[in-house]
Amino acid sequence: MAMSIAGSLRFSQLEIDEESRRIRRLRIVVNLSLSLIAQGDLPFSEAQEISAAARRLAESLFPGKGPVYDLLYGPKFRRLINDVYRLQ
């Protein structure tokens, strides 16, 4: 019995809810990380580590989607770190 394309693209509500939880978790971590860095109280190396840790979390929550993270959040972290630490 062949499954239709539409049937193979359906996701259960549990899968959708789980993905929503992972997205929400990542957004919270990214926003908290950006806020911590923006305060300017951290050494430069710690700011870099926080940025790298957020990316590692994204990769663990969404395996293989590191390049998407780099497009969405990488510029925000780079811009903020450049501004806070007055880098060129």
PDB file of N, CA and C in Angstrom:
ATOM      1  N   MET A   1       0.839  -1.170   0.000  1.00  0.00           N
ATOM      2  CA  MET A   1       0.000   0.000   0.000  1.00  0.00           C
ATOM      3  C   MET A   1       0.890   1.241   0.000  1.00  0.00           C
ATOM      4  N   ALA A   2       0.765   2.077  -0.993  1.00  0.00           N
ATOM      5  CA  ALA A   2       1.598   3.270  -1.134  1.00  0.00           C
ATOM      6  C   ALA A   2       1.054   4.400  -0.279  1.00  0.00           C
ATOM      7  N   MET A   3       1.992   5.119   0.336  1.00  0.00           N
ATOM      8  CA  MET A   3       1.597   6.265   1.155  1.00  0.00           C
ATOM      9  C   MET A   3       1.691   7.515   0.294  1.00  0.00           C
ATOM     10  N   SER A   4       0.716   8.369   0.397  1.00  0.00           N
ATOM     11  CA  SER A   4       0.741   9.602  -0.387  1.00  0.00           C
ATOM     12  C   SER A   4       1.827  10.527   0.146  1.00  0.00           C
ATOM     13  N   ILE A   5       2.220  11.474  -0.686  1.00  0.00           N
ATOM     14  CA  ILE A   5       3.226  12.454  -0.269  1.00  0.00           C
ATOM     15  C   ILE A   5       2.704  13.254   0.913  1.00  0.00           C
ATOM     16  N   ALA A   6       1.471  13.672   0.862  1.00  0.00           N
ATOM     17  CA  ALA A   6       0.896  14.439   1.970  1.00  0.00           C
ATOM     18  C   ALA A   6       0.915  13.618   3.252  1.00  0.00           C
ATOM     19  N   GLY A   7       0.642  12.338   3.157  1.00  0.00           N
ATOM     20  CA  GLY A   7       0.650  11.470   4.334  1.00  0.00           C
ATOM     21  C   GLY A   7       2.031  11.342   4.940  1.00  0.00           C
ATOM     22  N   SER A   8       3.057  11.352   4.093  1.00  0.00           N
ATOM     23  CA  SER A   8       4.413  11.209   4.614  1.00  0.00           C
ATOM     24  C   SER A   8       4.927  12.517   5.219  1.00  0.00           C
ATOM     25  N   LEU A   9       4.295  13.642   4.914  1.00  0.00           N
ATOM     26  CA  LEU A   9       4.740  14.930   5.427  1.00  0.00           C
ATOM     27  C   LEU A   9       4.003  15.344   6.697  1.00  0.00           C
ATOM     28  N   ARG A  10       3.045  14.568   7.104  1.00  0.00           N
ATOM     29  CA  ARG A  10       2.305  14.907   8.314  1.00  0.00           C
ATOM     30  C   ARG A  10       3.142  14.622   9.547  1.00  0.00           C
ATOM     31  N   PHE A  11       3.022  15.503  10.500  1.00  0.00           N
ATOM     32  CA  PHE A  11       3.708  15.325  11.761  1.00  0.00           C
ATOM     33  C   PHE A  11       2.668  15.223  12.861  1.00  0.00           C
ATOM     34  N   SER A  12       2.979  14.438  13.843  1.00  0.00           N
ATOM     35  CA  SER A  12       2.045  14.313  14.956  1.00  0.00           C
ATOM     36  C   SER A  12       2.108  15.575  15.813  1.00  0.00           C
ATOM     37  N   GLN A  13       1.080  15.790  16.559  1.00  0.00           N
ATOM     38  CA  GLN A  13       1.058  16.955  17.447  1.00  0.00           C
ATOM     39  C   GLN A  13       2.190  16.878  18.469  1.00  0.00           C
ATOM     40  N   LEU A  14       2.538  15.665  18.876  1.00  0.00           N
ATOM     41  CA  LEU A  14       3.647  15.508  19.819  1.00  0.00           C
ATOM     42  C   LEU A  14       4.969  15.969  19.202  1.00  0.00           C
ATOM     43  N   GLU A  15       5.192  15.637  17.936  1.00  0.00           N
ATOM     44  CA  GLU A  15       6.420  16.068  17.257  1.00  0.00           C
ATOM     45  C   GLU A  15       6.458  17.588  17.109  1.00  0.00           C
ATOM     46  N   ILE A  16       5.333  18.162  16.771  1.00  0.00           N
ATOM     47  CA  ILE A  16       5.247  19.621  16.631  1.00  0.00           C
ATOM     48  C   ILE A  16       5.491  20.303  17.973  1.00  0.00           C
ATOM     49  N   ASP A  17       4.876  19.770  19.027  1.00  0.00           N
ATOM     50  CA  ASP A  17       5.062  20.335  20.364  1.00  0.00           C
ATOM     51  C   ASP A  17       6.520  20.229  20.817  1.00  0.00           C
ATOM     52  N   GLU A  18       7.143  19.097  20.535  1.00  0.00           N
ATOM     53  CA  GLU A  18       8.544  18.900  20.918  1.00  0.00           C
ATOM     54  C   GLU A  18       9.446  19.885  20.177  1.00  0.00           C
ATOM     55  N   GLU A  19       9.221  20.072  18.902  1.00  0.00           N
ATOM     56  CA  GLU A  19      10.027  21.040  18.147  1.00  0.00           C
ATOM     57  C   GLU A  19       9.799  22.452  18.679  1.00  0.00           C
ATOM     58  N   SER A  20       8.576  22.770  19.018  1.00  0.00           N
ATOM     59  CA  SER A  20       8.271  24.096  19.585  1.00  0.00           C
ATOM     60  C   SER A  20       9.008  24.302  20.897  1.00  0.00           C
ATOM     61  N   ARG A  21       9.084  23.277  21.724  1.00  0.00           N
ATOM     62  CA  ARG A  21       9.824  23.370  22.989  1.00  0.00           C
ATOM     63  C   ARG A  21      11.315  23.597  22.744  1.00  0.00           C
ATOM     64  N   ARG A  22      11.865  22.891  21.759  1.00  0.00           N
ATOM     65  CA  ARG A  22      13.285  23.064  21.450  1.00  0.00           C
ATOM     66  C   ARG A  22      13.567  24.470  20.914  1.00  0.00           C
ATOM     67  N   ILE A  23      12.688  24.970  20.071  1.00  0.00           N
ATOM     68  CA  ILE A  23      12.844  26.330  19.542  1.00  0.00           C
ATOM     69  C   ILE A  23      12.763  27.349  20.670  1.00  0.00           C
ATOM     70  N   ARG A  24      11.787  27.187  21.540  1.00  0.00           N
ATOM     71  CA  ARG A  24      11.624  28.107  22.665  1.00  0.00           C
ATOM     72  C   ARG A  24      12.860  28.082  23.573  1.00  0.00           C
ATOM     73  N   ARG A  25      13.362  26.893  23.854  1.00  0.00           N
ATOM     74  CA  ARG A  25      14.559  26.760  24.693  1.00  0.00           C
ATOM     75  C   ARG A  25      15.744  27.480  24.061  1.00  0.00           C
ATOM     76  N   LEU A  26      15.935  27.287  22.769  1.00  0.00           N
ATOM     77  CA  LEU A  26      17.048  27.938  22.078  1.00  0.00           C
ATOM     78  C   LEU A  26      16.894  29.458  22.110  1.00  0.00           C
ATOM     79  N   ARG A  27      15.693  29.954  21.863  1.00  0.00           N
ATOM     80  CA  ARG A  27      15.468  31.406  21.892  1.00  0.00           C
ATOM     81  C   ARG A  27      15.780  31.987  23.270  1.00  0.00           C
ATOM     82  N   ILE A  28      15.350  31.295  24.312  1.00  0.00           N
ATOM     83  CA  ILE A  28      15.610  31.770  25.675  1.00  0.00           C
ATOM     84  C   ILE A  28      17.114  31.832  25.926  1.00  0.00           C
ATOM     85  N   VAL A  29      17.826  30.774  25.570  1.00  0.00           N
ATOM     86  CA  VAL A  29      19.272  30.730  25.795  1.00  0.00           C
ATOM     87  C   VAL A  29      19.978  31.813  24.983  1.00  0.00           C
ATOM     88  N   VAL A  30      19.590  31.980  23.738  1.00  0.00           N
ATOM     89  CA  VAL A  30      20.210  33.012  22.901  1.00  0.00           C
ATOM     90  C   VAL A  30      19.948  34.398  23.490  1.00  0.00           C
ATOM     91  N   ASN A  31      18.707  34.681  23.872  1.00  0.00           N
ATOM     92  CA  ASN A  31      18.380  35.997  24.427  1.00  0.00           C
ATOM     93  C   ASN A  31      19.115  36.256  25.741  1.00  0.00           C
ATOM     94  N   LEU A  32      19.181  35.248  26.609  1.00  0.00           N
ATOM     95  CA  LEU A  32      19.931  35.413  27.854  1.00  0.00           C
ATOM     96  C   LEU A  32      21.420  35.613  27.581  1.00  0.00           C
ATOM     97  N   SER A  33      21.948  34.877  26.638  1.00  0.00           N
ATOM     98  CA  SER A  33      23.361  34.993  26.289  1.00  0.00           C
ATOM     99  C   SER A  33      23.670  36.390  25.755  1.00  0.00           C
ATOM    100  N   LEU A  34      22.821  36.878  24.858  1.00  0.00           N
ATOM    101  CA  LEU A  34      23.018  38.216  24.310  1.00  0.00           C
ATOM    102  C   LEU A  34      22.919  39.267  25.418  1.00  0.00           C
ATOM    103  N   SER A  35      21.998  39.081  26.337  1.00  0.00           N
ATOM    104  CA  SER A  35      21.846  40.031  27.449  1.00  0.00           C
ATOM    105  C   SER A  35      23.072  40.043  28.352  1.00  0.00           C
ATOM    106  N   LEU A  36      23.590  38.859  28.656  1.00  0.00           N
ATOM    107  CA  LEU A  36      24.794  38.774  29.491  1.00  0.00           C
ATOM    108  C   LEU A  36      25.971  39.495  28.833  1.00  0.00           C
ATOM    109  N   ILE A  37      26.146  39.249  27.553  1.00  0.00           N
ATOM    110  CA  ILE A  37      27.253  39.874  26.830  1.00  0.00           C
ATOM    111  C   ILE A  37      27.051  41.385  26.752  1.00  0.00           C
ATOM    112  N   ALA A  38      25.824  41.821  26.531  1.00  0.00           N
ATOM    113  CA  ALA A  38      25.523  43.251  26.382  1.00  0.00           C
ATOM    114  C   ALA A  38      25.826  44.043  27.648  1.00  0.00           C
ATOM    115  N   GLN A  39      25.774  43.397  28.803  1.00  0.00           N
ATOM    116  CA  GLN A  39      26.075  44.092  30.053  1.00  0.00           C
ATOM    117  C   GLN A  39      27.518  44.579  30.083  1.00  0.00           C
ATOM    118  N   GLY A  40      28.392  43.915  29.345  1.00  0.00           N
ATOM    119  CA  GLY A  40      29.778  44.353  29.240  1.00  0.00           C
ATOM    120  C   GLY A  40      30.644  44.041  30.441  1.00  0.00           C
ATOM    121  N   ASP A  41      30.145  43.237  31.364  1.00  0.00           N
ATOM    122  CA  ASP A  41      30.892  42.922  32.582  1.00  0.00           C
ATOM    123  C   ASP A  41      31.810  41.710  32.427  1.00  0.00           C
ATOM    124  N   LEU A  42      31.693  41.017  31.329  1.00  0.00           N
ATOM    125  CA  LEU A  42      32.442  39.770  31.148  1.00  0.00           C
ATOM    126  C   LEU A  42      33.758  40.018  30.433  1.00  0.00           C
ATOM    127  N   PRO A  43      34.768  39.225  30.747  1.00  0.00           N
ATOM    128  CA  PRO A  43      35.977  39.266  29.924  1.00  0.00           C
ATOM    129  C   PRO A  43      35.629  38.820  28.500  1.00  0.00           C
ATOM    130  N   PHE A  44      36.390  39.326  27.553  1.00  0.00           N
ATOM    131  CA  PHE A  44      36.164  39.002  26.146  1.00  0.00           C
ATOM    132  C   PHE A  44      36.094  37.492  25.912  1.00  0.00           C
ATOM    133  N   SER A  45      36.996  36.734  26.537  1.00  0.00           N
ATOM    134  CA  SER A  45      37.035  35.277  26.330  1.00  0.00           C
ATOM    135  C   SER A  45      35.751  34.613  26.807  1.00  0.00           C
ATOM    136  N   GLU A  46      35.169  35.118  27.901  1.00  0.00           N
ATOM    137  CA  GLU A  46      33.909  34.550  28.396  1.00  0.00           C
ATOM    138  C   GLU A  46      32.758  34.852  27.438  1.00  0.00           C
ATOM    139  N   ALA A  47      32.756  36.048  26.887  1.00  0.00           N
ATOM    140  CA  ALA A  47      31.720  36.403  25.910  1.00  0.00           C
ATOM    141  C   ALA A  47      31.796  35.475  24.703  1.00  0.00           C
ATOM    142  N   GLN A  48      33.009  35.201  24.248  1.00  0.00           N
ATOM    143  CA  GLN A  48      33.183  34.275  23.123  1.00  0.00           C
ATOM    144  C   GLN A  48      32.709  32.871  23.497  1.00  0.00           C
ATOM    145  N   GLU A  49      33.004  32.432  24.713  1.00  0.00           N
ATOM    146  CA  GLU A  49      32.598  31.096  25.149  1.00  0.00           C
ATOM    147  C   GLU A  49      31.076  31.004  25.260  1.00  0.00           C
ATOM    148  N   ILE A  50      30.437  32.048  25.743  1.00  0.00           N
ATOM    149  CA  ILE A  50      28.968  32.050  25.829  1.00  0.00           C
ATOM    150  C   ILE A  50      28.369  31.933  24.432  1.00  0.00           C
ATOM    151  N   SER A  51      28.929  32.676  23.502  1.00  0.00           N
ATOM    152  CA  SER A  51      28.464  32.600  22.115  1.00  0.00           C
ATOM    153  C   SER A  51      28.649  31.188  21.552  1.00  0.00           C
ATOM    154  N   ALA A  52      29.803  30.597  21.794  1.00  0.00           N
ATOM    155  CA  ALA A  52      30.080  29.240  21.299  1.00  0.00           C
ATOM    156  C   ALA A  52      29.180  28.211  21.977  1.00  0.00           C
ATOM    157  N   ALA A  53      28.905  28.406  23.273  1.00  0.00           N
ATOM    158  CA  ALA A  53      28.036  27.468  23.989  1.00  0.00           C
ATOM    159  C   ALA A  53      26.609  27.518  23.450  1.00  0.00           C
ATOM    160  N   ALA A  54      26.144  28.707  23.100  1.00  0.00           N
ATOM    161  CA  ALA A  54      24.805  28.830  22.521  1.00  0.00           C
ATOM    162  C   ALA A  54      24.739  28.082  21.188  1.00  0.00           C
ATOM    163  N   ARG A  55      25.793  28.179  20.399  1.00  0.00           N
ATOM    164  CA  ARG A  55      25.814  27.462  19.118  1.00  0.00           C
ATOM    165  C   ARG A  55      25.842  25.948  19.342  1.00  0.00           C
ATOM    166  N   ARG A  56      26.621  25.508  20.325  1.00  0.00           N
ATOM    167  CA  ARG A  56      26.667  24.064  20.621  1.00  0.00           C
ATOM    168  C   ARG A  56      25.296  23.557  21.061  1.00  0.00           C
ATOM    169  N   LEU A  57      24.603  24.354  21.858  1.00  0.00           N
ATOM    170  CA  LEU A  57      23.251  23.963  22.268  1.00  0.00           C
ATOM    171  C   LEU A  57      22.347  23.847  21.041  1.00  0.00           C
ATOM    172  N   ALA A  58      22.420  24.816  20.149  1.00  0.00           N
ATOM    173  CA  ALA A  58      21.597  24.778  18.935  1.00  0.00           C
ATOM    174  C   ALA A  58      21.884  23.518  18.129  1.00  0.00           C
ATOM    175  N   GLU A  59      23.152  23.193  18.001  1.00  0.00           N
ATOM    176  CA  GLU A  59      23.532  21.995  17.243  1.00  0.00           C
ATOM    177  C   GLU A  59      23.034  20.728  17.927  1.00  0.00           C
ATOM    178  N   SER A  60      23.022  20.709  19.251  1.00  0.00           N
ATOM    179  CA  SER A  60      22.526  19.510  19.946  1.00  0.00           C
ATOM    180  C   SER A  60      20.996  19.415  19.857  1.00  0.00           C
ATOM    181  N   LEU A  61      20.320  20.552  19.859  1.00  0.00           N
ATOM    182  CA  LEU A  61      18.853  20.537  19.743  1.00  0.00           C
ATOM    183  C   LEU A  61      18.397  20.262  18.315  1.00  0.00           C
ATOM    184  N   PHE A  62      19.190  20.750  17.348  1.00  0.00           N
ATOM    185  CA  PHE A  62      18.842  20.622  15.938  1.00  0.00           C
ATOM    186  C   PHE A  62      20.069  20.131  15.164  1.00  0.00           C
ATOM    187  N   PRO A  63      20.374  18.834  15.266  1.00  0.00           N
ATOM    188  CA  PRO A  63      21.573  18.294  14.608  1.00  0.00           C
ATOM    189  C   PRO A  63      21.598  18.619  13.112  1.00  0.00           C
ATOM    190  N   GLY A  64      22.769  19.042  12.659  1.00  0.00           N
ATOM    191  CA  GLY A  64      22.958  19.347  11.245  1.00  0.00           C
ATOM    192  C   GLY A  64      22.476  20.725  10.830  1.00  0.00           C
ATOM    193  N   LYS A  65      21.954  21.489  11.767  1.00  0.00           N
ATOM    194  CA  LYS A  65      21.417  22.812  11.425  1.00  0.00           C
ATOM    195  C   LYS A  65      22.339  23.946  11.871  1.00  0.00           C
ATOM    196  N   GLY A  66      23.596  23.637  12.135  1.00  0.00           N
ATOM    197  CA  GLY A  66      24.559  24.655  12.520  1.00  0.00           C
ATOM    198  C   GLY A  66      24.646  25.816  11.543  1.00  0.00           C
ATOM    199  N   PRO A  67      24.672  25.537  10.222  1.00  0.00           N
ATOM    200  CA  PRO A  67      24.722  26.646   9.266  1.00  0.00           C
ATOM    201  C   PRO A  67      23.498  27.578   9.347  1.00  0.00           C
ATOM    202  N   VAL A  68      22.346  27.023   9.665  1.00  0.00           N
ATOM    203  CA  VAL A  68      21.152  27.857   9.832  1.00  0.00           C
ATOM    204  C   VAL A  68      21.325  28.758  11.048  1.00  0.00           C
ATOM    205  N   TYR A  69      21.843  28.204  12.138  1.00  0.00           N
ATOM    206  CA  TYR A  69      22.125  28.990  13.337  1.00  0.00           C
ATOM    207  C   TYR A  69      23.099  30.119  12.994  1.00  0.00           C
ATOM    208  N   ASP A  70      24.142  29.770  12.227  1.00  0.00           N
ATOM    209  CA  ASP A  70      25.144  30.770  11.856  1.00  0.00           C
ATOM    210  C   ASP A  70      24.524  31.928  11.070  1.00  0.00           C
ATOM    211  N   LEU A  71      23.548  31.633  10.241  1.00  0.00           N
ATOM    212  CA  LEU A  71      22.871  32.683   9.471  1.00  0.00           C
ATOM    213  C   LEU A  71      21.954  33.531  10.341  1.00  0.00           C
ATOM    214  N   LEU A  72      21.245  32.893  11.270  1.00  0.00           N
ATOM    215  CA  LEU A  72      20.263  33.604  12.080  1.00  0.00           C
ATOM    216  C   LEU A  72      20.870  34.330  13.271  1.00  0.00           C
ATOM    217  N   TYR A  73      21.730  33.665  13.998  1.00  0.00           N
ATOM    218  CA  TYR A  73      22.215  34.206  15.258  1.00  0.00           C
ATOM    219  C   TYR A  73      23.682  34.625  15.240  1.00  0.00           C
ATOM    220  N   GLY A  74      24.472  34.042  14.374  1.00  0.00           N
ATOM    221  CA  GLY A  74      25.891  34.395  14.309  1.00  0.00           C
ATOM    222  C   GLY A  74      26.134  35.887  14.147  1.00  0.00           C
ATOM    223  N   PRO A  75      25.452  36.546  13.204  1.00  0.00           N
ATOM    224  CA  PRO A  75      25.672  37.988  13.038  1.00  0.00           C
ATOM    225  C   PRO A  75      25.296  38.800  14.286  1.00  0.00           C
ATOM    226  N   LYS A  76      24.262  38.384  14.998  1.00  0.00           N
ATOM    227  CA  LYS A  76      23.866  39.098  16.217  1.00  0.00           C
ATOM    228  C   LYS A  76      24.970  39.031  17.265  1.00  0.00           C
ATOM    229  N   PHE A  77      25.510  37.828  17.465  1.00  0.00           N
ATOM    230  CA  PHE A  77      26.584  37.670  18.441  1.00  0.00           C
ATOM    231  C   PHE A  77      27.833  38.444  18.006  1.00  0.00           C
ATOM    232  N   ARG A  78      28.209  38.343  16.739  1.00  0.00           N
ATOM    233  CA  ARG A  78      29.403  39.047  16.261  1.00  0.00           C
ATOM    234  C   ARG A  78      29.246  40.560  16.411  1.00  0.00           C
ATOM    235  N   ARG A  79      28.092  41.076  16.000  1.00  0.00           N
ATOM    236  CA  ARG A  79      27.850  42.515  16.076  1.00  0.00           C
ATOM    237  C   ARG A  79      27.895  43.000  17.534  1.00  0.00           C
ATOM    238  N   LEU A  80      27.233  42.268  18.417  1.00  0.00           N
ATOM    239  CA  LEU A  80      27.203  42.656  19.823  1.00  0.00           C
ATOM    240  C   LEU A  80      28.600  42.607  20.442  1.00  0.00           C
ATOM    241  N   ILE A  81      29.323  41.526  20.202  1.00  0.00           N
ATOM    242  CA  ILE A  81      30.675  41.406  20.758  1.00  0.00           C
ATOM    243  C   ILE A  81      31.570  42.509  20.196  1.00  0.00           C
ATOM    244  N   ASN A  82      31.444  42.799  18.906  1.00  0.00           N
ATOM    245  CA  ASN A  82      32.228  43.891  18.328  1.00  0.00           C
ATOM    246  C   ASN A  82      31.904  45.225  18.984  1.00  0.00           C
ATOM    247  N   ASP A  83      30.625  45.472  19.238  1.00  0.00           N
ATOM    248  CA  ASP A  83      30.213  46.737  19.861  1.00  0.00           C
ATOM    249  C   ASP A  83      30.666  46.829  21.315  1.00  0.00           C
ATOM    250  N   VAL A  84      30.425  45.770  22.070  1.00  0.00           N
ATOM    251  CA  VAL A  84      30.747  45.798  23.505  1.00  0.00           C
ATOM    252  C   VAL A  84      32.254  45.883  23.731  1.00  0.00           C
ATOM    253  N   TYR A  85      33.019  45.166  22.945  1.00  0.00           N
ATOM    254  CA  TYR A  85      34.463  45.115  23.154  1.00  0.00           C
ATOM    255  C   TYR A  85      35.216  46.001  22.176  1.00  0.00           C
ATOM    256  N   ARG A  86      34.487  46.830  21.461  1.00  0.00           N
ATOM    257  CA  ARG A  86      35.037  47.827  20.542  1.00  0.00           C
ATOM    258  C   ARG A  86      36.058  47.236  19.568  1.00  0.00           C
ATOM    259  N   LEU A  87      35.628  46.178  18.921  1.00  0.00           N
ATOM    260  CA  LEU A  87      36.475  45.517  17.921  1.00  0.00           C
ATOM    261  C   LEU A  87      36.141  46.081  16.547  1.00  0.00           C
ATOM    262  N   GLN A  88      37.057  45.953  15.643  1.00  0.00           N
ATOM    263  CA  GLN A  88      36.798  46.426  14.271  1.00  0.00           C
ATOM    264  C   GLN A  88      36.579  45.282  13.345  1.00  0.00           C
TER     265      GLN A  88
END
